[in-house]
Amino acid sequence: MRRVSITEARREWSKLLAAVEAGESVIITRYGKPVAHLAPPKGAARFLDRASLRAGMPLMRESAGEFIRKLRDDERY
């Protein structure tokens, strides 16, 4: 869990929100004492980064043109 001062939180608000969005919890402190806790909502969907998403997708066996042509031809009959 990350701890930041109020001054740092004001200066780097967008970075803190990005960290919370990625699943990290952040404690905001004033004079070393916790005053706020930023955490992602329970049950929030976490999105995969692009590389992980692409790695999990199967490769296409045919080109996009062939795939669309086959779809179009199947609808004609």
PDB file of N, CA and C in Angstrom:
ATOM      1  N   MET A   1       0.848  -1.164   0.000  1.00  0.00           N
ATOM      2  CA  MET A   1       0.000   0.000   0.000  1.00  0.00           C
ATOM      3  C   MET A   1       0.899   1.234   0.000  1.00  0.00           C
ATOM      4  N   ARG A   2       0.604   2.126  -0.881  1.00  0.00           N
ATOM      5  CA  ARG A   2       1.412   3.331  -1.056  1.00  0.00           C
ATOM      6  C   ARG A   2       0.928   4.440  -0.131  1.00  0.00           C
ATOM      7  N   ARG A   3       1.862   5.215   0.440  1.00  0.00           N
ATOM      8  CA  ARG A   3       1.522   6.348   1.311  1.00  0.00           C
ATOM      9  C   ARG A   3       2.090   7.617   0.692  1.00  0.00           C
ATOM     10  N   VAL A   4       1.265   8.647   0.583  1.00  0.00           N
ATOM     11  CA  VAL A   4       1.715   9.929   0.038  1.00  0.00           C
ATOM     12  C   VAL A   4       1.165  11.058   0.902  1.00  0.00           C
ATOM     13  N   SER A   5       1.883  12.176   0.915  1.00  0.00           N
ATOM     14  CA  SER A   5       1.410  13.342   1.654  1.00  0.00           C
ATOM     15  C   SER A   5       0.351  14.072   0.838  1.00  0.00           C
ATOM     16  N   ILE A   6      -0.382  14.966   1.482  1.00  0.00           N
ATOM     17  CA  ILE A   6      -1.409  15.744   0.778  1.00  0.00           C
ATOM     18  C   ILE A   6      -0.770  16.567  -0.328  1.00  0.00           C
ATOM     19  N   THR A   7       0.380  17.161  -0.048  1.00  0.00           N
ATOM     20  CA  THR A   7       1.072  17.972  -1.056  1.00  0.00           C
ATOM     21  C   THR A   7       1.424  17.146  -2.277  1.00  0.00           C
ATOM     22  N   GLU A   8       1.956  15.957  -2.050  1.00  0.00           N
ATOM     23  CA  GLU A   8       2.302  15.069  -3.161  1.00  0.00           C
ATOM     24  C   GLU A   8       1.049  14.602  -3.897  1.00  0.00           C
ATOM     25  N   ALA A   9      -0.018  14.339  -3.163  1.00  0.00           N
ATOM     26  CA  ALA A   9      -1.269  13.902  -3.783  1.00  0.00           C
ATOM     27  C   ALA A   9      -1.823  14.989  -4.701  1.00  0.00           C
ATOM     28  N   ARG A  10      -1.759  16.242  -4.272  1.00  0.00           N
ATOM     29  CA  ARG A  10      -2.222  17.343  -5.120  1.00  0.00           C
ATOM     30  C   ARG A  10      -1.373  17.459  -6.379  1.00  0.00           C
ATOM     31  N   ARG A  11      -0.077  17.311  -6.211  1.00  0.00           N
ATOM     32  CA  ARG A  11       0.850  17.476  -7.328  1.00  0.00           C
ATOM     33  C   ARG A  11       0.733  16.332  -8.338  1.00  0.00           C
ATOM     34  N   GLU A  12       0.468  15.109  -7.862  1.00  0.00           N
ATOM     35  CA  GLU A  12       0.473  13.939  -8.739  1.00  0.00           C
ATOM     36  C   GLU A  12      -0.872  13.208  -8.726  1.00  0.00           C
ATOM     37  N   TRP A  13      -1.963  13.954  -8.704  1.00  0.00           N
ATOM     38  CA  TRP A  13      -3.303  13.375  -8.612  1.00  0.00           C
ATOM     39  C   TRP A  13      -3.593  12.388  -9.736  1.00  0.00           C
ATOM     40  N   SER A  14      -3.264  12.759 -10.981  1.00  0.00           N
ATOM     41  CA  SER A  14      -3.574  11.864 -12.101  1.00  0.00           C
ATOM     42  C   SER A  14      -2.787  10.561 -12.011  1.00  0.00           C
ATOM     43  N   LYS A  15      -1.544  10.620 -11.532  1.00  0.00           N
ATOM     44  CA  LYS A  15      -0.750   9.390 -11.379  1.00  0.00           C
ATOM     45  C   LYS A  15      -1.338   8.509 -10.273  1.00  0.00           C
ATOM     46  N   LEU A  16      -1.816   9.136  -9.201  1.00  0.00           N
ATOM     47  CA  LEU A  16      -2.434   8.360  -8.122  1.00  0.00           C
ATOM     48  C   LEU A  16      -3.700   7.659  -8.603  1.00  0.00           C
ATOM     49  N   LEU A  17      -4.512   8.387  -9.371  1.00  0.00           N
ATOM     50  CA  LEU A  17      -5.733   7.766  -9.891  1.00  0.00           C
ATOM     51  C   LEU A  17      -5.416   6.618 -10.842  1.00  0.00           C
ATOM     52  N   ALA A  18      -4.368   6.771 -11.636  1.00  0.00           N
ATOM     53  CA  ALA A  18      -3.959   5.683 -12.531  1.00  0.00           C
ATOM     54  C   ALA A  18      -3.523   4.459 -11.719  1.00  0.00           C
ATOM     55  N   ALA A  19      -2.814   4.700 -10.619  1.00  0.00           N
ATOM     56  CA  ALA A  19      -2.384   3.589  -9.762  1.00  0.00           C
ATOM     57  C   ALA A  19      -3.583   2.895  -9.127  1.00  0.00           C
ATOM     58  N   VAL A  20      -4.555   3.668  -8.671  1.00  0.00           N
ATOM     59  CA  VAL A  20      -5.770   3.089  -8.072  1.00  0.00           C
ATOM     60  C   VAL A  20      -6.553   2.323  -9.131  1.00  0.00           C
ATOM     61  N   GLU A  21      -6.611   2.884 -10.327  1.00  0.00           N
ATOM     62  CA  GLU A  21      -7.313   2.205 -11.420  1.00  0.00           C
ATOM     63  C   GLU A  21      -6.652   0.873 -11.746  1.00  0.00           C
ATOM     64  N   ALA A  22      -5.346   0.794 -11.564  1.00  0.00           N
ATOM     65  CA  ALA A  22      -4.613  -0.451 -11.813  1.00  0.00           C
ATOM     66  C   ALA A  22      -4.752  -1.453 -10.670  1.00  0.00           C
ATOM     67  N   GLY A  23      -5.439  -1.046  -9.569  1.00  0.00           N
ATOM     68  CA  GLY A  23      -5.699  -1.981  -8.482  1.00  0.00           C
ATOM     69  C   GLY A  23      -4.936  -1.692  -7.208  1.00  0.00           C
ATOM     70  N   GLU A  24      -4.112  -0.655  -7.199  1.00  0.00           N
ATOM     71  CA  GLU A  24      -3.310  -0.331  -6.020  1.00  0.00           C
ATOM     72  C   GLU A  24      -4.113   0.548  -5.059  1.00  0.00           C
ATOM     73  N   SER A  25      -3.867   0.409  -3.765  1.00  0.00           N
ATOM     74  CA  SER A  25      -4.484   1.274  -2.759  1.00  0.00           C
ATOM     75  C   SER A  25      -3.485   2.344  -2.351  1.00  0.00           C
ATOM     76  N   VAL A  26      -3.994   3.539  -2.059  1.00  0.00           N
ATOM     77  CA  VAL A  26      -3.140   4.666  -1.694  1.00  0.00           C
ATOM     78  C   VAL A  26      -3.682   5.313  -0.429  1.00  0.00           C
ATOM     79  N   ILE A  27      -2.789   5.556   0.538  1.00  0.00           N
ATOM     80  CA  ILE A  27      -3.134   6.271   1.763  1.00  0.00           C
ATOM     81  C   ILE A  27      -2.594   7.694   1.633  1.00  0.00           C
ATOM     82  N   ILE A  28      -3.440   8.687   1.873  1.00  0.00           N
ATOM     83  CA  ILE A  28      -3.015  10.083   1.857  1.00  0.00           C
ATOM     84  C   ILE A  28      -2.845  10.523   3.304  1.00  0.00           C
ATOM     85  N   THR A  29      -1.689  11.134   3.583  1.00  0.00           N
ATOM     86  CA  THR A  29      -1.376  11.508   4.961  1.00  0.00           C
ATOM     87  C   THR A  29      -1.221  13.021   5.109  1.00  0.00           C
ATOM     88  N   ARG A  30      -1.485  13.491   6.335  1.00  0.00           N
ATOM     89  CA  ARG A  30      -1.222  14.878   6.714  1.00  0.00           C
ATOM     90  C   ARG A  30      -0.367  14.811   7.971  1.00  0.00           C
ATOM     91  N   TYR A  31       0.816  15.381   7.892  1.00  0.00           N
ATOM     92  CA  TYR A  31       1.772  15.343   9.004  1.00  0.00           C
ATOM     93  C   TYR A  31       2.033  13.908   9.464  1.00  0.00           C
ATOM     94  N   GLY A  32       2.055  12.977   8.496  1.00  0.00           N
ATOM     95  CA  GLY A  32       2.373  11.589   8.789  1.00  0.00           C
ATOM     96  C   GLY A  32       1.214  10.735   9.268  1.00  0.00           C
ATOM     97  N   LYS A  33       0.036  11.356   9.464  1.00  0.00           N
ATOM     98  CA  LYS A  33      -1.126  10.587   9.918  1.00  0.00           C
ATOM     99  C   LYS A  33      -2.103  10.389   8.763  1.00  0.00           C
ATOM    100  N   PRO A  34      -2.646   9.193   8.610  1.00  0.00           N
ATOM    101  CA  PRO A  34      -3.573   8.930   7.507  1.00  0.00           C
ATOM    102  C   PRO A  34      -4.848   9.769   7.618  1.00  0.00           C
ATOM    103  N   VAL A  35      -5.248  10.388   6.499  1.00  0.00           N
ATOM    104  CA  VAL A  35      -6.489  11.167   6.473  1.00  0.00           C
ATOM    105  C   VAL A  35      -7.443  10.675   5.385  1.00  0.00           C
ATOM    106  N   ALA A  36      -6.937   9.921   4.413  1.00  0.00           N
ATOM    107  CA  ALA A  36      -7.800   9.412   3.338  1.00  0.00           C
ATOM    108  C   ALA A  36      -7.210   8.116   2.793  1.00  0.00           C
ATOM    109  N   HIS A  37      -8.093   7.299   2.240  1.00  0.00           N
ATOM    110  CA  HIS A  37      -7.698   6.021   1.656  1.00  0.00           C
ATOM    111  C   HIS A  37      -8.340   5.927   0.282  1.00  0.00           C
ATOM    112  N   LEU A  38      -7.513   5.886  -0.763  1.00  0.00           N
ATOM    113  CA  LEU A  38      -8.009   5.700  -2.127  1.00  0.00           C
ATOM    114  C   LEU A  38      -7.873   4.232  -2.489  1.00  0.00           C
ATOM    115  N   ALA A  39      -8.966   3.648  -2.922  1.00  0.00           N
ATOM    116  CA  ALA A  39      -8.941   2.232  -3.299  1.00  0.00           C
ATOM    117  C   ALA A  39      -9.914   2.022  -4.444  1.00  0.00           C
ATOM    118  N   PRO A  40      -9.645   1.049  -5.309  1.00  0.00           N
ATOM    119  CA  PRO A  40     -10.593   0.757  -6.386  1.00  0.00           C
ATOM    120  C   PRO A  40     -11.893   0.216  -5.801  1.00  0.00           C
ATOM    121  N   PRO A  41     -13.027   0.497  -6.450  1.00  0.00           N
ATOM    122  CA  PRO A  41     -14.296  -0.025  -5.933  1.00  0.00           C
ATOM    123  C   PRO A  41     -14.320  -1.551  -5.975  1.00  0.00           C
ATOM    124  N   LYS A  42     -15.035  -2.134  -5.039  1.00  0.00           N
ATOM    125  CA  LYS A  42     -15.137  -3.592  -4.992  1.00  0.00           C
ATOM    126  C   LYS A  42     -15.886  -4.083  -6.221  1.00  0.00           C
ATOM    127  N   GLY A  43     -15.382  -5.137  -6.804  1.00  0.00           N
ATOM    128  CA  GLY A  43     -16.017  -5.707  -7.981  1.00  0.00           C
ATOM    129  C   GLY A  43     -15.731  -4.930  -9.247  1.00  0.00           C
ATOM    130  N   ALA A  44     -14.799  -3.988  -9.198  1.00  0.00           N
ATOM    131  CA  ALA A  44     -14.476  -3.203 -10.385  1.00  0.00           C
ATOM    132  C   ALA A  44     -13.757  -4.084 -11.403  1.00  0.00           C
ATOM    133  N   ALA A  45     -14.085  -3.895 -12.649  1.00  0.00           N
ATOM    134  CA  ALA A  45     -13.445  -4.660 -13.716  1.00  0.00           C
ATOM    135  C   ALA A  45     -12.034  -4.130 -13.937  1.00  0.00           C
ATOM    136  N   ARG A  46     -11.097  -5.016 -14.046  1.00  0.00           N
ATOM    137  CA  ARG A  46      -9.729  -4.626 -14.361  1.00  0.00           C
ATOM    138  C   ARG A  46      -9.465  -4.979 -15.811  1.00  0.00           C
ATOM    139  N   PHE A  47      -9.018  -4.008 -16.551  1.00  0.00           N
ATOM    140  CA  PHE A  47      -8.765  -4.211 -17.965  1.00  0.00           C
ATOM    141  C   PHE A  47      -7.332  -4.680 -18.162  1.00  0.00           C
ATOM    142  N   LEU A  48      -7.168  -5.606 -19.083  1.00  0.00           N
ATOM    143  CA  LEU A  48      -5.842  -6.111 -19.404  1.00  0.00           C
ATOM    144  C   LEU A  48      -5.094  -5.093 -20.245  1.00  0.00           C
ATOM    145  N   ASP A  49      -3.781  -5.098 -20.130  1.00  0.00           N
ATOM    146  CA  ASP A  49      -3.012  -4.247 -21.024  1.00  0.00           C
ATOM    147  C   ASP A  49      -3.044  -4.871 -22.413  1.00  0.00           C
ATOM    148  N   ARG A  50      -2.679  -4.107 -23.399  1.00  0.00           N
ATOM    149  CA  ARG A  50      -2.818  -4.531 -24.795  1.00  0.00           C
ATOM    150  C   ARG A  50      -2.038  -5.807 -25.089  1.00  0.00           C
ATOM    151  N   ALA A  51      -0.824  -5.936 -24.568  1.00  0.00           N
ATOM    152  CA  ALA A  51      -0.009  -7.121 -24.849  1.00  0.00           C
ATOM    153  C   ALA A  51      -0.652  -8.391 -24.286  1.00  0.00           C
ATOM    154  N   SER A  52      -1.197  -8.315 -23.081  1.00  0.00           N
ATOM    155  CA  SER A  52      -1.849  -9.488 -22.480  1.00  0.00           C
ATOM    156  C   SER A  52      -3.116  -9.860 -23.238  1.00  0.00           C
ATOM    157  N   LEU A  53      -3.844  -8.852 -23.663  1.00  0.00           N
ATOM    158  CA  LEU A  53      -5.073  -9.109 -24.417  1.00  0.00           C
ATOM    159  C   LEU A  53      -4.764  -9.805 -25.732  1.00  0.00           C
ATOM    160  N   ARG A  54      -3.763  -9.300 -26.442  1.00  0.00           N
ATOM    161  CA  ARG A  54      -3.409  -9.897 -27.734  1.00  0.00           C
ATOM    162  C   ARG A  54      -2.854 -11.305 -27.570  1.00  0.00           C
ATOM    163  N   ALA A  55      -2.106 -11.548 -26.502  1.00  0.00           N
ATOM    164  CA  ALA A  55      -1.526 -12.875 -26.280  1.00  0.00           C
ATOM    165  C   ALA A  55      -2.615 -13.913 -26.029  1.00  0.00           C
ATOM    166  N   GLY A  56      -3.741 -13.499 -25.461  1.00  0.00           N
ATOM    167  CA  GLY A  56      -4.818 -14.426 -25.155  1.00  0.00           C
ATOM    168  C   GLY A  56      -5.772 -14.682 -26.301  1.00  0.00           C
ATOM    169  N   MET A  57      -5.629 -13.952 -27.400  1.00  0.00           N
ATOM    170  CA  MET A  57      -6.537 -14.114 -28.541  1.00  0.00           C
ATOM    171  C   MET A  57      -5.982 -15.133 -29.526  1.00  0.00           C
ATOM    172  N   PRO A  58      -6.844 -15.995 -30.058  1.00  0.00           N
ATOM    173  CA  PRO A  58      -6.365 -16.963 -31.049  1.00  0.00           C
ATOM    174  C   PRO A  58      -6.039 -16.264 -32.374  1.00  0.00           C
ATOM    175  N   LEU A  59      -5.094 -16.828 -33.117  1.00  0.00           N
ATOM    176  CA  LEU A  59      -4.749 -16.272 -34.420  1.00  0.00           C
ATOM    177  C   LEU A  59      -5.838 -16.606 -35.434  1.00  0.00           C
ATOM    178  N   MET A  60      -6.054 -15.711 -36.379  1.00  0.00           N
ATOM    179  CA  MET A  60      -7.046 -15.954 -37.432  1.00  0.00           C
ATOM    180  C   MET A  60      -6.474 -16.954 -38.427  1.00  0.00           C
ATOM    181  N   ARG A  61      -7.304 -17.866 -38.886  1.00  0.00           N
ATOM    182  CA  ARG A  61      -6.864 -18.880 -39.844  1.00  0.00           C
ATOM    183  C   ARG A  61      -6.952 -18.384 -41.275  1.00  0.00           C
ATOM    184  N   GLU A  62      -7.758 -17.360 -41.486  1.00  0.00           N
ATOM    185  CA  GLU A  62      -7.921 -16.812 -42.833  1.00  0.00           C
ATOM    186  C   GLU A  62      -7.805 -15.296 -42.767  1.00  0.00           C
ATOM    187  N   SER A  63      -7.608 -14.678 -43.924  1.00  0.00           N
ATOM    188  CA  SER A  63      -7.466 -13.225 -43.941  1.00  0.00           C
ATOM    189  C   SER A  63      -8.814 -12.569 -43.642  1.00  0.00           C
ATOM    190  N   ALA A  64      -8.778 -11.310 -43.282  1.00  0.00           N
ATOM    191  CA  ALA A  64     -10.005 -10.583 -42.975  1.00  0.00           C
ATOM    192  C   ALA A  64     -10.906 -10.517 -44.205  1.00  0.00           C
ATOM    193  N   GLY A  65     -10.312 -10.330 -45.383  1.00  0.00           N
ATOM    194  CA  GLY A  65     -11.093 -10.267 -46.619  1.00  0.00           C
ATOM    195  C   GLY A  65     -11.839 -11.568 -46.893  1.00  0.00           C
ATOM    196  N   GLU A  66     -11.147 -12.688 -46.716  1.00  0.00           N
ATOM    197  CA  GLU A  66     -11.780 -13.993 -46.929  1.00  0.00           C
ATOM    198  C   GLU A  66     -12.899 -14.215 -45.915  1.00  0.00           C
ATOM    199  N   PHE A  67     -12.670 -13.822 -44.673  1.00  0.00           N
ATOM    200  CA  PHE A  67     -13.667 -13.983 -43.618  1.00  0.00           C
ATOM    201  C   PHE A  67     -14.937 -13.194 -43.939  1.00  0.00           C
ATOM    202  N   ILE A  68     -14.787 -11.944 -44.345  1.00  0.00           N
ATOM    203  CA  ILE A  68     -15.947 -11.098 -44.671  1.00  0.00           C
ATOM    204  C   ILE A  68     -16.661 -11.616 -45.918  1.00  0.00           C
ATOM    205  N   ARG A  69     -15.891 -12.052 -46.915  1.00  0.00           N
ATOM    206  CA  ARG A  69     -16.486 -12.596 -48.129  1.00  0.00           C
ATOM    207  C   ARG A  69     -17.324 -13.832 -47.805  1.00  0.00           C
ATOM    208  N   LYS A  70     -16.821 -14.693 -46.923  1.00  0.00           N
ATOM    209  CA  LYS A  70     -17.556 -15.892 -46.539  1.00  0.00           C
ATOM    210  C   LYS A  70     -18.840 -15.520 -45.784  1.00  0.00           C
ATOM    211  N   LEU A  71     -18.769 -14.544 -44.891  1.00  0.00           N
ATOM    212  CA  LEU A  71     -19.966 -14.087 -44.186  1.00  0.00           C
ATOM    213  C   LEU A  71     -21.012 -13.545 -45.147  1.00  0.00           C
ATOM    214  N   ARG A  72     -20.541 -12.737 -46.082  1.00  0.00           N
ATOM    215  CA  ARG A  72     -21.450 -12.147 -47.076  1.00  0.00           C
ATOM    216  C   ARG A  72     -22.093 -13.233 -47.938  1.00  0.00           C
ATOM    217  N   ASP A  73     -21.291 -14.194 -48.390  1.00  0.00           N
ATOM    218  CA  ASP A  73     -21.823 -15.264 -49.230  1.00  0.00           C
ATOM    219  C   ASP A  73     -22.796 -16.160 -48.471  1.00  0.00           C
ATOM    220  N   ASP A  74     -22.548 -16.403 -47.196  1.00  0.00           N
ATOM    221  CA  ASP A  74     -23.441 -17.231 -46.386  1.00  0.00           C
ATOM    222  C   ASP A  74     -24.806 -16.572 -46.207  1.00  0.00           C
ATOM    223  N   GLU A  75     -24.833 -15.243 -46.140  1.00  0.00           N
ATOM    224  CA  GLU A  75     -26.112 -14.542 -45.974  1.00  0.00           C
ATOM    225  C   GLU A  75     -26.942 -14.515 -47.245  1.00  0.00           C
ATOM    226  N   ARG A  76     -26.332 -14.712 -48.381  1.00  0.00           N
ATOM    227  CA  ARG A  76     -27.056 -14.669 -49.654  1.00  0.00           C
ATOM    228  C   ARG A  76     -27.920 -15.916 -49.836  1.00  0.00           C
ATOM    229  N   TYR A  77     -27.529 -17.016 -49.232  1.00  0.00           N
ATOM    230  CA  TYR A  77     -28.246 -18.275 -49.460  1.00  0.00           C
ATOM    231  C   TYR A  77     -29.088 -18.649 -48.303  1.00  0.00           C
TER     232      TYR A  77
END
